[in-house]
Amino acid sequence: MNRSPFRFTHHVSRIFYFVILSSILIACTAPAPTPTPLPFAPFVLPTRDPNAATPTPFQPSGEVATPIPTFTASPIPSATFTPTLSPTATLTAPPASPTTNSPAPTSSPLTSYILHATLDFANKTVSADQTIRYYNKTGSNLSDLVLSVQPNLYNNAFTLNSISQDGTALTSYTLSGQRLTVNLNQPIASNAATTITLNFNLNIPAKGANDVFGYDFNQINLTDWYPFIVPNRGGWILHDPMPWGEHLMYDASDIELNIKTDSSVTLAVGASPESNGEWTRYRMYGTRTLAISASNEFVVKETAVGNVTIRSYYFNGYQTAGDDMLIYAIEAVETFSAQFSPYPHQTLAIVQTDMDDGMEYDGLVFLATDFYSQYTGSSRSNLTTIGVHEIAHQWWYSLVGSDHALEPWLDEALSTYSERIFYENNYPSNISWWWQFRVNYFKPTGYVDGSIYDYGSFRAYTNAVYFRGALFLDEMRERMGYGNFSKFIQTYATRYANGHTTGADFFALAREIVNVSYDDLIGNYFSGSY
């Protein structure tokens, strides 16, 4: 994520209005029938007719880090191959050609979501039918489920019309703020599964300057927009929001979105569109969430890195920045795929939006319009550093999950240091500039391992988690040796793919890779012991 250090306002793709909104409370009860274990049946993402961003701190324009070496902008060097860009054009309806990337799995142990959604762009509403196939891998029987419903933090934005379990209406549930607690008709035995169906409506709210979710005059962003079952690790994990940082934690899941919208609207999604009758279908596998940006004014350019399609979505007047960001994305995907692990999705969408910073979702990242307008053709820019940071989150958030509220350094410090790895592999003469511009300028202090609740301000949070975190990783890399660090980070990415990791896991693997002491580094940068 990315946020201006000089604006102390809420980031609300996943928070904000909870401070001023009253909770909607719906509660009713009904006796549950005698429990019957449900079989663990496979759930494929079929074609079905329905029954119906961490902000990353950046230097603001006009603030000059001292000293910044004199730099003459030059054309961006080509990647190791020449990308083919389609001509500049404003697209209308999304293309209906099927994806040619990796075939979908025939079955999956991951929880699966199927959505059929109608987006009324003009009236700023969504009506949706949702099917969730939930697999109980907690090791215990479950008599309830907890779902995150982030749109319910906005006034009158979310309406739950119906909810059922295996075809039978659920009548005992409570929806309060972001939390939907459902008392099940039938408990779910360990290693069994159940199917939850919902019908809901969204009245999309106006989007503030620090918000991702919502609409403005030419764009609708849908982020964390549908109910999802939160992780269960000895209990349901749904943390309280804060004015800084991210509070949500996600399980990896398989998601199929079938969507209809106005013919003049272009959709940006972290997957490629497929024709599915009257619907346009998007499928993602091993993903934390599926975000959408919709506009009737998008200009779209696309290219490919191997079997990964990369698309840049921007608005008229920002062609240089929009096209160059596509090149930086190519370089980032190539670099991180080689340094960490293969890119975890089939597509990557980079989307311009009116906000103060950047924000990551699976296969899709948002970047502030200010980054585009301030861009002068140089890789020494917020557009490049923040764009690369959000792309790095495709590994450190999307592929390797963690608890963003309690241990935010596991994704934010790694994504910040990934910027350094990007520059050393693509623009090595800019490494000293990067350290000054992105880290040393802020004179960071504080312990790296605090939760989002442990810091007294946004600046204290980012200085410690992002920037002291990057300094720690640089010292750790020197301690391990560059070759061992590469082995460590690649093993980390593959071992914990589609799962969750902790700081204890991080250091246990580091000691497994190379037998050196990290105690002095931990004592310097961390408040706790690992």
Protein backbone atom coordinates (compact mmCIF):
# COMPACT_ATOMS: atom_id res chain seq x y z
CA MET A 1 0.00 0.00 0.00
CA ASN A 2 1.02 3.60 -0.37
CA ARG A 3 0.10 6.77 1.42
CA SER A 4 1.32 10.37 1.52
CA PRO A 5 3.23 11.04 4.73
CA PHE A 6 1.83 14.55 4.89
CA ARG A 7 -1.89 13.69 4.81
CA PHE A 8 -3.21 12.25 8.03
CA THR A 9 -6.55 11.04 6.78
CA HIS A 10 -8.17 7.65 6.61
CA HIS A 11 -7.50 5.05 3.97
CA VAL A 12 -10.81 3.43 3.40
CA SER A 13 -10.70 0.74 0.78
CA ARG A 14 -11.03 -1.41 3.85
CA ILE A 15 -11.84 1.17 6.56
CA PHE A 16 -12.82 4.77 7.44
CA TYR A 17 -16.49 5.43 7.64
CA PHE A 18 -16.80 3.00 10.55
CA VAL A 19 -16.00 5.98 12.79
CA ILE A 20 -19.10 7.90 11.74
CA LEU A 21 -21.53 5.20 10.69
CA SER A 22 -24.05 3.55 12.92
CA SER A 23 -24.16 -0.24 12.82
CA ILE A 24 -27.06 -2.07 11.32
CA LEU A 25 -28.15 -4.89 13.58
CA ILE A 26 -30.28 -7.73 12.37
CA ALA A 27 -30.83 -10.69 14.65
CA CYS A 28 -33.22 -13.56 14.75
CA THR A 29 -33.11 -17.07 16.08
CA ALA A 30 -34.48 -20.45 15.22
CA PRO A 31 -33.80 -23.91 16.62
CA ALA A 32 -31.18 -25.87 14.72
CA PRO A 33 -31.96 -29.41 13.55
CA THR A 34 -29.98 -32.42 14.68
CA PRO A 35 -26.41 -32.07 13.33
CA THR A 36 -25.51 -34.26 10.39
CA PRO A 37 -21.92 -34.25 9.11
CA LEU A 38 -21.69 -32.95 5.55
CA PRO A 39 -19.57 -34.79 3.02
CA PHE A 40 -16.37 -33.17 1.71
CA ALA A 41 -17.40 -32.92 -1.93
CA PRO A 42 -15.33 -31.23 -4.62
CA PHE A 43 -16.54 -27.83 -5.78
CA VAL A 44 -15.45 -26.82 -9.25
CA LEU A 45 -15.96 -23.31 -10.59
CA PRO A 46 -18.58 -24.23 -13.21
CA THR A 47 -20.72 -22.04 -15.39
CA ARG A 48 -23.93 -21.74 -13.39
CA ASP A 49 -27.10 -19.80 -13.83
CA PRO A 50 -27.74 -18.12 -10.49
CA ASN A 51 -30.86 -18.55 -8.45
CA ALA A 52 -30.56 -15.10 -8.96
CA ALA A 53 -4.74 -1.10 -0.83
CA THR A 54 -1.79 -0.70 2.08
CA PRO A 55 -0.97 2.59 1.41
CA THR A 56 2.79 2.99 1.01
CA PRO A 57 4.21 6.33 2.09
CA PHE A 58 5.72 8.42 -0.66
CA GLN A 59 7.40 11.77 -1.06
CA PRO A 60 4.92 14.43 -2.15
CA SER A 61 5.48 16.54 -5.22
CA GLY A 62 7.30 19.73 -4.32
CA GLU A 63 9.13 18.17 -1.38
CA VAL A 64 12.73 17.57 -2.40
CA ALA A 65 14.85 15.05 -0.63
CA THR A 66 18.28 16.49 0.10
CA PRO A 67 20.42 15.86 -1.68
CA ILE A 68 19.04 14.26 -4.85
CA PRO A 69 21.73 13.80 -7.50
CA THR A 70 21.24 15.64 -10.76
CA PHE A 71 19.37 13.40 -13.14
CA THR A 72 18.56 13.79 -16.81
CA ALA A 73 15.50 11.82 -17.84
CA SER A 74 16.09 9.39 -20.66
CA PRO A 75 13.85 6.93 -22.46
CA ILE A 76 12.96 3.85 -20.47
CA PRO A 77 15.20 1.01 -21.61
CA SER A 78 13.47 -1.92 -23.20
CA ALA A 79 13.00 -5.11 -21.25
CA THR A 80 14.77 -8.22 -22.46
CA PHE A 81 12.13 -8.45 -25.15
CA THR A 82 10.10 -5.86 -27.02
CA PRO A 83 6.49 -5.65 -25.80
CA THR A 84 3.75 -5.14 -28.33
CA LEU A 85 1.32 -2.39 -27.36
CA SER A 86 -2.11 -2.11 -28.87
CA PRO A 87 -2.97 1.34 -30.27
CA THR A 88 -4.33 3.89 -27.84
CA ALA A 89 -8.07 3.47 -27.70
CA THR A 90 -11.00 3.86 -25.40
CA LEU A 91 -12.50 0.38 -25.14
CA THR A 92 -16.19 -0.24 -24.80
CA ALA A 93 -17.54 -3.66 -23.88
CA PRO A 94 -14.87 -6.07 -22.57
CA PRO A 95 -13.63 -8.56 -25.14
CA ALA A 96 -15.25 -11.96 -25.05
CA SER A 97 -12.39 -14.14 -26.20
CA PRO A 98 -11.44 -16.96 -23.84
CA THR A 99 -8.16 -16.79 -21.99
CA THR A 100 -5.31 -18.86 -23.35
CA ASN A 101 -3.47 -19.11 -20.05
CA SER A 102 -3.14 -22.10 -17.75
CA PRO A 103 -6.22 -24.34 -17.61
CA ALA A 104 -8.36 -24.19 -14.52
CA PRO A 105 -8.00 -26.94 -11.94
CA THR A 106 -10.70 -29.59 -11.98
CA SER A 107 -11.09 -29.55 -8.21
CA SER A 108 -9.74 -27.54 -5.33
CA PRO A 109 -9.42 -27.83 -1.56
CA LEU A 110 -9.77 -24.06 -1.32
CA THR A 111 -13.01 -22.34 -0.44
CA SER A 112 -14.73 -21.28 -3.66
CA TYR A 113 -16.91 -18.29 -4.55
CA ILE A 114 -19.21 -17.92 -7.55
CA LEU A 115 -20.84 -14.53 -8.14
CA HIS A 116 -23.41 -13.43 -10.69
CA ALA A 117 -23.49 -9.64 -10.47
CA THR A 118 -25.25 -6.92 -12.43
CA LEU A 119 -23.52 -3.53 -12.26
CA ASP A 120 -25.75 -0.58 -13.13
CA PHE A 121 -23.02 1.94 -13.84
CA ALA A 122 -25.31 4.92 -14.34
CA ASN A 123 -27.30 4.33 -11.16
CA LYS A 124 -24.26 3.11 -9.17
CA THR A 125 -25.82 -0.12 -7.91
CA VAL A 126 -24.96 -3.81 -7.88
CA SER A 127 -27.34 -6.75 -7.50
CA ALA A 128 -25.64 -10.08 -6.88
CA ASP A 129 -26.19 -13.75 -6.23
CA GLN A 130 -23.32 -15.46 -4.49
CA THR A 131 -22.51 -19.11 -3.84
CA ILE A 132 -19.78 -20.08 -1.36
CA ARG A 133 -18.50 -23.62 -1.04
CA TYR A 134 -16.73 -23.63 2.32
CA TYR A 135 -14.32 -26.39 3.34
CA ASN A 136 -13.81 -26.82 7.06
CA LYS A 137 -10.08 -27.31 7.51
CA THR A 138 -9.99 -25.95 11.07
CA GLY A 139 -9.73 -29.37 12.74
CA SER A 140 -12.91 -28.73 14.74
CA ASN A 141 -16.64 -28.87 14.13
CA LEU A 142 -18.12 -25.47 13.30
CA SER A 143 -21.58 -24.36 14.39
CA ASP A 144 -21.21 -20.86 13.00
CA LEU A 145 -19.47 -18.89 10.27
CA VAL A 146 -18.18 -15.32 10.33
CA LEU A 147 -18.14 -13.27 7.14
CA SER A 148 -16.56 -9.89 6.44
CA VAL A 149 -19.03 -7.42 4.89
CA GLN A 150 -17.00 -4.25 4.31
CA PRO A 151 -19.70 -2.33 2.37
CA ASN A 152 -21.83 -2.43 5.52
CA LEU A 153 -19.42 0.12 7.03
CA TYR A 154 -20.95 2.68 4.66
CA ASN A 155 -24.36 4.16 5.33
CA ASN A 156 -27.13 2.28 3.46
CA ALA A 157 -24.60 0.71 1.06
CA PHE A 158 -25.33 -3.00 1.71
CA THR A 159 -28.59 -4.94 1.82
CA LEU A 160 -28.68 -8.67 2.53
CA ASN A 161 -31.83 -10.05 0.94
CA SER A 162 -31.42 -13.76 1.70
CA ILE A 163 -28.93 -16.32 2.96
CA SER A 164 -29.18 -20.14 2.91
CA GLN A 165 -27.19 -23.23 3.82
CA ASP A 166 -27.42 -26.16 1.43
CA GLY A 167 -30.72 -24.86 0.06
CA THR A 168 -32.37 -24.19 3.42
CA ALA A 169 -32.85 -20.60 4.60
CA LEU A 170 -30.69 -19.47 7.49
CA THR A 171 -32.81 -17.59 10.01
CA SER A 172 -30.33 -17.06 12.84
CA TYR A 173 -27.69 -14.49 11.98
CA THR A 174 -26.44 -11.08 13.04
CA LEU A 175 -25.14 -8.36 10.73
CA SER A 176 -23.42 -5.59 12.67
CA GLY A 177 -20.88 -3.26 11.11
CA GLN A 178 -18.38 -5.29 9.11
CA ARG A 179 -19.30 -8.61 10.77
CA LEU A 180 -21.92 -11.12 9.62
CA THR A 181 -22.20 -13.99 12.13
CA VAL A 182 -24.28 -16.93 10.89
CA ASN A 183 -25.57 -19.70 13.15
CA LEU A 184 -25.67 -22.74 10.90
CA ASN A 185 -28.65 -25.04 10.47
CA GLN A 186 -26.21 -27.94 10.35
CA PRO A 187 -22.76 -27.80 11.97
CA ILE A 188 -19.86 -28.50 9.61
CA ALA A 189 -17.75 -31.42 10.72
CA SER A 190 -14.00 -31.24 10.41
CA ASN A 191 -12.94 -32.04 6.83
CA ALA A 192 -16.51 -31.59 5.61
CA ALA A 193 -18.01 -28.87 3.46
CA THR A 194 -21.14 -26.80 3.13
CA THR A 195 -22.66 -24.45 0.54
CA ILE A 196 -23.80 -20.96 1.51
CA THR A 197 -25.87 -18.89 -0.93
CA LEU A 198 -26.58 -15.18 -0.58
CA ASN A 199 -28.46 -12.52 -2.48
CA PHE A 200 -27.44 -8.91 -1.81
CA ASN A 201 -27.56 -5.38 -3.22
CA LEU A 202 -25.05 -2.55 -3.13
CA ASN A 203 -25.77 1.16 -3.31
CA ILE A 204 -22.26 2.27 -4.17
CA PRO A 205 -21.17 5.28 -2.08
CA ALA A 206 -19.28 8.33 -3.29
CA LYS A 207 -15.51 7.82 -3.07
CA GLY A 208 -13.46 10.19 -0.96
CA ALA A 209 -9.90 11.29 -1.79
CA ASN A 210 -8.44 8.63 0.50
CA ASP A 211 -10.90 5.93 -0.50
CA VAL A 212 -10.68 3.23 -3.14
CA PHE A 213 -14.14 1.71 -2.78
CA GLY A 214 -16.93 3.79 -4.30
CA TYR A 215 -17.64 6.02 -7.27
CA ASP A 216 -16.51 9.35 -8.62
CA PHE A 217 -17.55 11.20 -11.79
CA ASN A 218 -16.17 8.63 -14.27
CA GLN A 219 -15.17 5.51 -12.33
CA ILE A 220 -16.55 2.89 -9.93
CA ASN A 221 -14.18 0.80 -7.81
CA LEU A 222 -15.47 -2.34 -6.12
CA THR A 223 -13.00 -3.58 -3.50
CA ASP A 224 -13.83 -6.05 -0.71
CA TRP A 225 -17.33 -5.64 -2.08
CA TYR A 226 -18.87 -9.07 -1.47
CA PRO A 227 -19.18 -11.05 1.79
CA PHE A 228 -16.32 -13.49 2.37
CA ILE A 229 -15.63 -16.01 5.12
CA VAL A 230 -12.75 -14.83 7.26
CA PRO A 231 -9.89 -17.13 8.34
CA ASN A 232 -10.31 -19.34 11.37
CA ARG A 233 -7.15 -20.00 13.41
CA GLY A 234 -8.56 -21.29 16.68
CA GLY A 235 -11.21 -18.58 16.26
CA TRP A 236 -12.54 -16.26 13.57
CA ILE A 237 -10.12 -13.47 12.60
CA LEU A 238 -11.78 -10.15 11.80
CA HIS A 239 -9.81 -7.27 13.27
CA ASP A 240 -11.06 -3.77 13.96
CA PRO A 241 -10.23 -1.08 11.40
CA MET A 242 -7.66 1.64 12.04
CA PRO A 243 -6.98 4.99 10.34
CA TRP A 244 -3.75 3.48 8.96
CA GLY A 245 -2.75 0.02 7.83
CA GLU A 246 -4.94 -2.88 6.75
CA HIS A 247 -7.12 -4.80 9.15
CA LEU A 248 -8.42 -7.65 6.97
CA MET A 249 -6.93 -11.12 6.74
CA TYR A 250 -7.88 -13.47 3.90
CA ASP A 251 -7.75 -17.16 3.11
CA ALA A 252 -6.71 -18.09 -0.42
CA SER A 253 -9.76 -19.07 -2.47
CA ASP A 254 -10.99 -19.76 -6.00
CA ILE A 255 -13.34 -17.11 -7.39
CA GLU A 256 -15.57 -16.97 -10.45
CA LEU A 257 -17.25 -13.68 -11.27
CA ASN A 258 -20.01 -13.51 -13.88
CA ILE A 259 -20.95 -9.91 -14.51
CA LYS A 260 -23.22 -7.78 -16.70
CA THR A 261 -22.94 -4.02 -17.07
CA ASP A 262 -23.60 -1.16 -19.49
CA SER A 263 -22.22 -1.72 -22.98
CA SER A 264 -20.18 1.50 -22.81
CA VAL A 265 -18.31 0.41 -19.68
CA THR A 266 -14.84 -1.15 -19.59
CA LEU A 267 -14.01 -3.40 -16.65
CA ALA A 268 -10.56 -3.78 -15.12
CA VAL A 269 -10.25 -7.09 -13.25
CA GLY A 270 -7.27 -9.20 -12.20
CA ALA A 271 -8.26 -11.89 -14.70
CA SER A 272 -9.01 -12.10 -18.42
CA PRO A 273 -12.63 -11.93 -19.63
CA GLU A 274 -14.39 -14.95 -21.11
CA SER A 275 -17.72 -15.16 -22.87
CA ASN A 276 -20.40 -16.94 -20.83
CA GLY A 277 -23.67 -16.34 -22.63
CA GLU A 278 -25.15 -13.05 -21.48
CA TRP A 279 -22.45 -12.80 -18.82
CA THR A 280 -18.77 -11.91 -18.97
CA ARG A 281 -16.85 -14.33 -16.78
CA TYR A 282 -13.62 -13.83 -14.83
CA ARG A 283 -11.92 -16.67 -12.96
CA MET A 284 -9.10 -16.48 -10.42
CA TYR A 285 -7.48 -19.36 -8.56
CA GLY A 286 -5.62 -19.21 -5.27
CA THR A 287 -6.61 -15.57 -4.76
CA ARG A 288 -7.39 -13.54 -1.66
CA THR A 289 -10.04 -11.28 -3.18
CA LEU A 290 -11.35 -10.05 -6.53
CA ALA A 291 -11.51 -6.31 -7.17
CA ILE A 292 -13.14 -4.44 -10.07
CA SER A 293 -12.70 -0.99 -11.55
CA ALA A 294 -15.28 0.20 -14.08
CA SER A 295 -15.24 3.28 -16.29
CA ASN A 296 -16.67 4.51 -19.56
CA GLU A 297 -13.52 6.59 -20.13
CA PHE A 298 -10.66 4.11 -19.75
CA VAL A 299 -7.84 4.02 -22.27
CA VAL A 300 -6.30 0.55 -22.25
CA LYS A 301 -2.91 -0.71 -23.40
CA GLU A 302 -1.83 -4.31 -23.02
CA THR A 303 1.16 -6.56 -23.54
CA ALA A 304 2.38 -9.91 -22.22
CA VAL A 305 5.26 -11.39 -20.26
CA GLY A 306 5.25 -15.09 -21.13
CA ASN A 307 1.69 -16.21 -20.41
CA VAL A 308 0.93 -13.24 -18.16
CA THR A 309 -1.19 -10.49 -19.74
CA ILE A 310 -0.49 -6.99 -18.39
CA ARG A 311 -2.95 -4.16 -18.94
CA SER A 312 -2.64 -0.47 -18.14
CA TYR A 313 -5.92 1.42 -17.57
CA TYR A 314 -5.68 5.19 -17.56
CA PHE A 315 -7.53 8.30 -18.67
CA ASN A 316 -7.08 10.69 -21.56
CA GLY A 317 -4.23 13.13 -20.98
CA TYR A 318 -2.02 10.64 -19.16
CA GLN A 319 -0.71 8.55 -22.05
CA THR A 320 3.02 8.88 -21.34
CA ALA A 321 2.65 7.80 -17.73
CA GLY A 322 0.10 5.10 -18.55
CA ASP A 323 2.25 3.60 -21.29
CA ASP A 324 5.49 3.83 -19.32
CA MET A 325 3.86 2.21 -16.29
CA LEU A 326 3.19 -0.77 -18.53
CA ILE A 327 6.93 -1.03 -19.20
CA TYR A 328 7.77 -0.78 -15.50
CA ALA A 329 5.20 -3.50 -14.82
CA ILE A 330 6.85 -5.76 -17.40
CA GLU A 331 10.21 -5.26 -15.71
CA ALA A 332 8.73 -5.83 -12.24
CA VAL A 333 6.94 -9.04 -13.20
CA GLU A 334 10.08 -10.37 -14.91
CA THR A 335 12.32 -9.40 -11.99
CA PHE A 336 10.12 -10.70 -9.20
CA SER A 337 9.24 -13.88 -11.08
CA ALA A 338 12.97 -14.62 -11.32
CA GLN A 339 13.90 -13.44 -7.82
CA PHE A 340 10.90 -14.78 -5.84
CA SER A 341 8.66 -17.23 -7.69
CA PRO A 342 6.52 -17.21 -10.85
CA TYR A 343 3.88 -14.51 -10.95
CA PRO A 344 0.86 -16.02 -9.16
CA HIS A 345 -1.94 -14.88 -11.51
CA GLN A 346 -2.75 -14.93 -15.21
CA THR A 347 -3.11 -11.18 -15.60
CA LEU A 348 -2.04 -7.91 -14.01
CA ALA A 349 -4.11 -4.72 -14.25
CA ILE A 350 -2.62 -1.32 -13.33
CA VAL A 351 -5.45 1.17 -12.83
CA GLN A 352 -5.35 4.94 -12.48
CA THR A 353 -7.77 6.30 -9.91
CA ASP A 354 -8.38 9.50 -7.98
CA MET A 355 -6.91 8.78 -4.56
CA ASP A 356 -3.93 9.93 -2.57
CA ASP A 357 -1.73 6.87 -2.92
CA GLY A 358 -1.62 3.28 -4.21
CA MET A 359 -3.39 0.10 -3.22
CA GLU A 360 -2.99 -3.57 -4.10
CA TYR A 361 -5.48 -6.32 -4.78
CA ASP A 362 -5.00 -9.72 -6.39
CA GLY A 363 -3.98 -9.21 -10.00
CA LEU A 364 -4.92 -5.51 -9.84
CA VAL A 365 -3.26 -2.41 -8.39
CA PHE A 366 -4.54 1.15 -8.10
CA LEU A 367 -2.25 4.17 -8.50
CA ALA A 368 -3.05 7.80 -7.74
CA THR A 369 -3.76 10.23 -10.56
CA ASP A 370 -1.17 12.55 -8.96
CA PHE A 371 1.53 10.00 -9.79
CA TYR A 372 0.51 10.15 -13.44
CA SER A 373 0.31 13.94 -13.58
CA GLN A 374 3.67 14.41 -11.83
CA TYR A 375 5.47 11.88 -14.01
CA THR A 376 8.25 13.33 -16.20
CA GLY A 377 9.46 10.22 -17.99
CA SER A 378 11.95 9.11 -15.34
CA SER A 379 12.13 5.93 -13.28
CA ARG A 380 13.03 8.27 -10.41
CA SER A 381 9.39 8.92 -9.66
CA ASN A 382 6.53 8.04 -7.36
CA LEU A 383 4.78 6.40 -10.31
CA THR A 384 7.62 3.90 -10.62
CA THR A 385 8.42 3.26 -6.96
CA ILE A 386 4.82 2.97 -5.80
CA GLY A 387 3.75 1.06 -8.88
CA VAL A 388 6.52 -1.46 -8.28
CA HIS A 389 5.66 -1.62 -4.57
CA GLU A 390 2.04 -2.51 -5.29
CA ILE A 391 3.10 -5.09 -7.87
CA ALA A 392 5.41 -6.67 -5.28
CA HIS A 393 2.32 -7.22 -3.12
CA GLN A 394 1.27 -9.85 -5.65
CA TRP A 395 3.85 -11.98 -3.88
CA TRP A 396 3.77 -10.44 -0.38
CA TYR A 397 0.02 -10.40 0.32
CA SER A 398 -1.60 -12.25 -2.57
CA LEU A 399 0.65 -15.32 -2.84
CA VAL A 400 2.02 -15.41 0.71
CA GLY A 401 -0.68 -14.41 3.15
CA SER A 402 -0.17 -13.00 6.64
CA ASP A 403 -2.02 -11.12 9.35
CA HIS A 404 -1.88 -7.54 8.03
CA ALA A 405 -3.17 -6.06 11.28
CA LEU A 406 -0.94 -7.85 13.79
CA GLU A 407 2.22 -8.36 11.69
CA PRO A 408 2.05 -5.84 8.86
CA TRP A 409 5.83 -5.90 8.32
CA LEU A 410 5.60 -9.32 6.71
CA ASP A 411 4.04 -7.84 3.58
CA GLU A 412 4.91 -4.13 3.80
CA ALA A 413 8.61 -4.36 4.63
CA LEU A 414 9.09 -7.05 1.99
CA SER A 415 7.21 -5.04 -0.64
CA THR A 416 9.25 -1.92 0.18
CA TYR A 417 12.54 -3.80 -0.05
CA SER A 418 11.34 -5.39 -3.29
CA GLU A 419 11.53 -1.90 -4.77
CA ARG A 420 15.26 -1.96 -4.05
CA ILE A 421 15.56 -5.36 -5.74
CA PHE A 422 13.70 -3.96 -8.74
CA TYR A 423 16.08 -1.03 -9.10
CA GLU A 424 19.23 -3.09 -8.73
CA ASN A 425 18.06 -5.39 -11.51
CA ASN A 426 16.72 -2.71 -13.88
CA TYR A 427 18.17 0.71 -12.95
CA PRO A 428 21.25 0.03 -10.80
CA SER A 429 22.49 3.61 -11.05
CA ASN A 430 19.37 4.66 -9.12
CA ILE A 431 19.96 2.55 -6.00
CA SER A 432 21.51 5.40 -3.96
CA TRP A 433 18.73 7.71 -5.12
CA TRP A 434 16.14 5.13 -4.04
CA TRP A 435 17.55 4.83 -0.51
CA GLN A 436 17.48 8.59 -0.08
CA PHE A 437 14.14 9.23 -1.77
CA ARG A 438 12.20 6.33 -0.29
CA VAL A 439 13.81 5.60 3.09
CA ASN A 440 16.43 7.98 4.50
CA TYR A 441 14.42 11.10 3.69
CA PHE A 442 11.97 10.14 6.45
CA LYS A 443 14.67 9.47 9.10
CA PRO A 444 12.75 6.36 10.18
CA THR A 445 12.62 5.15 13.76
CA GLY A 446 10.63 2.57 15.71
CA TYR A 447 10.33 -1.18 16.03
CA VAL A 448 9.41 -3.09 12.89
CA ASP A 449 7.13 -5.68 14.45
CA GLY A 450 4.31 -3.58 15.86
CA SER A 451 0.68 -4.14 14.95
CA ILE A 452 -1.35 -1.41 13.27
CA TYR A 453 -2.72 -0.63 16.75
CA ASP A 454 0.70 -0.03 18.35
CA TYR A 455 1.69 3.23 16.68
CA GLY A 456 0.51 6.70 17.61
CA SER A 457 0.36 8.07 14.09
CA PHE A 458 0.49 7.09 10.46
CA ARG A 459 4.01 8.48 10.21
CA ALA A 460 5.23 6.41 13.19
CA TYR A 461 3.62 3.31 11.66
CA THR A 462 5.14 3.67 8.20
CA ASN A 463 8.56 4.79 9.45
CA ALA A 464 8.85 1.64 11.51
CA VAL A 465 7.07 -1.00 9.40
CA TYR A 466 8.01 0.10 5.87
CA PHE A 467 11.30 1.90 6.18
CA ARG A 468 12.99 0.42 9.22
CA GLY A 469 11.69 -2.85 7.81
CA ALA A 470 13.58 -2.23 4.56
CA LEU A 471 16.74 -1.35 6.49
CA PHE A 472 16.43 -4.57 8.49
CA LEU A 473 16.00 -6.69 5.35
CA ASP A 474 19.06 -5.06 3.78
CA GLU A 475 21.18 -5.91 6.83
CA MET A 476 19.73 -9.42 6.92
CA ARG A 477 20.65 -9.88 3.27
CA GLU A 478 24.24 -8.81 3.98
CA ARG A 479 24.37 -11.16 6.98
CA MET A 480 23.06 -14.15 5.04
CA GLY A 481 24.93 -13.38 1.83
CA TYR A 482 23.11 -12.46 -1.36
CA GLY A 483 22.97 -16.05 -2.64
CA ASN A 484 21.56 -17.41 0.60
CA PHE A 485 19.07 -14.55 0.81
CA SER A 486 17.84 -15.37 -2.69
CA LYS A 487 17.45 -19.02 -1.71
CA PHE A 488 15.63 -17.96 1.44
CA ILE A 489 13.17 -15.62 -0.25
CA GLN A 490 12.41 -18.13 -3.02
CA THR A 491 11.81 -20.90 -0.48
CA TYR A 492 9.65 -18.55 1.58
CA ALA A 493 7.49 -17.72 -1.44
CA THR A 494 6.97 -21.33 -2.48
CA ARG A 495 6.62 -22.93 0.96
CA TYR A 496 3.89 -20.54 2.09
CA ALA A 497 2.14 -20.05 -1.24
CA ASN A 498 -1.66 -19.83 -0.80
CA GLY A 499 -1.20 -20.05 2.95
CA HIS A 500 -0.38 -17.80 5.87
CA THR A 501 2.94 -17.04 7.47
CA THR A 502 4.11 -15.45 10.72
CA GLY A 503 7.25 -13.71 11.91
CA ALA A 504 8.21 -16.93 13.68
CA ASP A 505 7.90 -18.81 10.37
CA PHE A 506 10.03 -16.16 8.66
CA PHE A 507 12.94 -16.47 11.08
CA ALA A 508 12.67 -20.26 11.43
CA LEU A 509 13.13 -20.56 7.67
CA ALA A 510 16.00 -18.06 7.69
CA ARG A 511 17.85 -20.17 10.27
CA GLU A 512 17.07 -23.28 8.25
CA ILE A 513 18.61 -21.78 5.11
CA VAL A 514 21.82 -20.49 6.69
CA ASN A 515 23.10 -21.14 10.20
CA VAL A 516 23.99 -17.63 11.34
CA SER A 517 22.81 -15.60 14.32
CA TYR A 518 20.21 -12.90 13.76
CA ASP A 519 19.92 -12.04 17.46
CA ASP A 520 21.62 -8.65 17.25
CA LEU A 521 19.50 -7.64 14.23
CA ILE A 522 16.34 -8.74 15.99
CA GLY A 523 17.36 -6.83 19.10
CA ASN A 524 17.97 -3.67 17.06
CA TYR A 525 14.87 -3.73 14.86
CA PHE A 526 12.24 -5.74 16.77
CA SER A 527 10.54 -5.28 20.12
CA GLY A 528 9.97 -9.02 20.56
CA SER A 529 12.09 -12.13 20.13
CA TYR A 530 11.92 -14.70 17.36
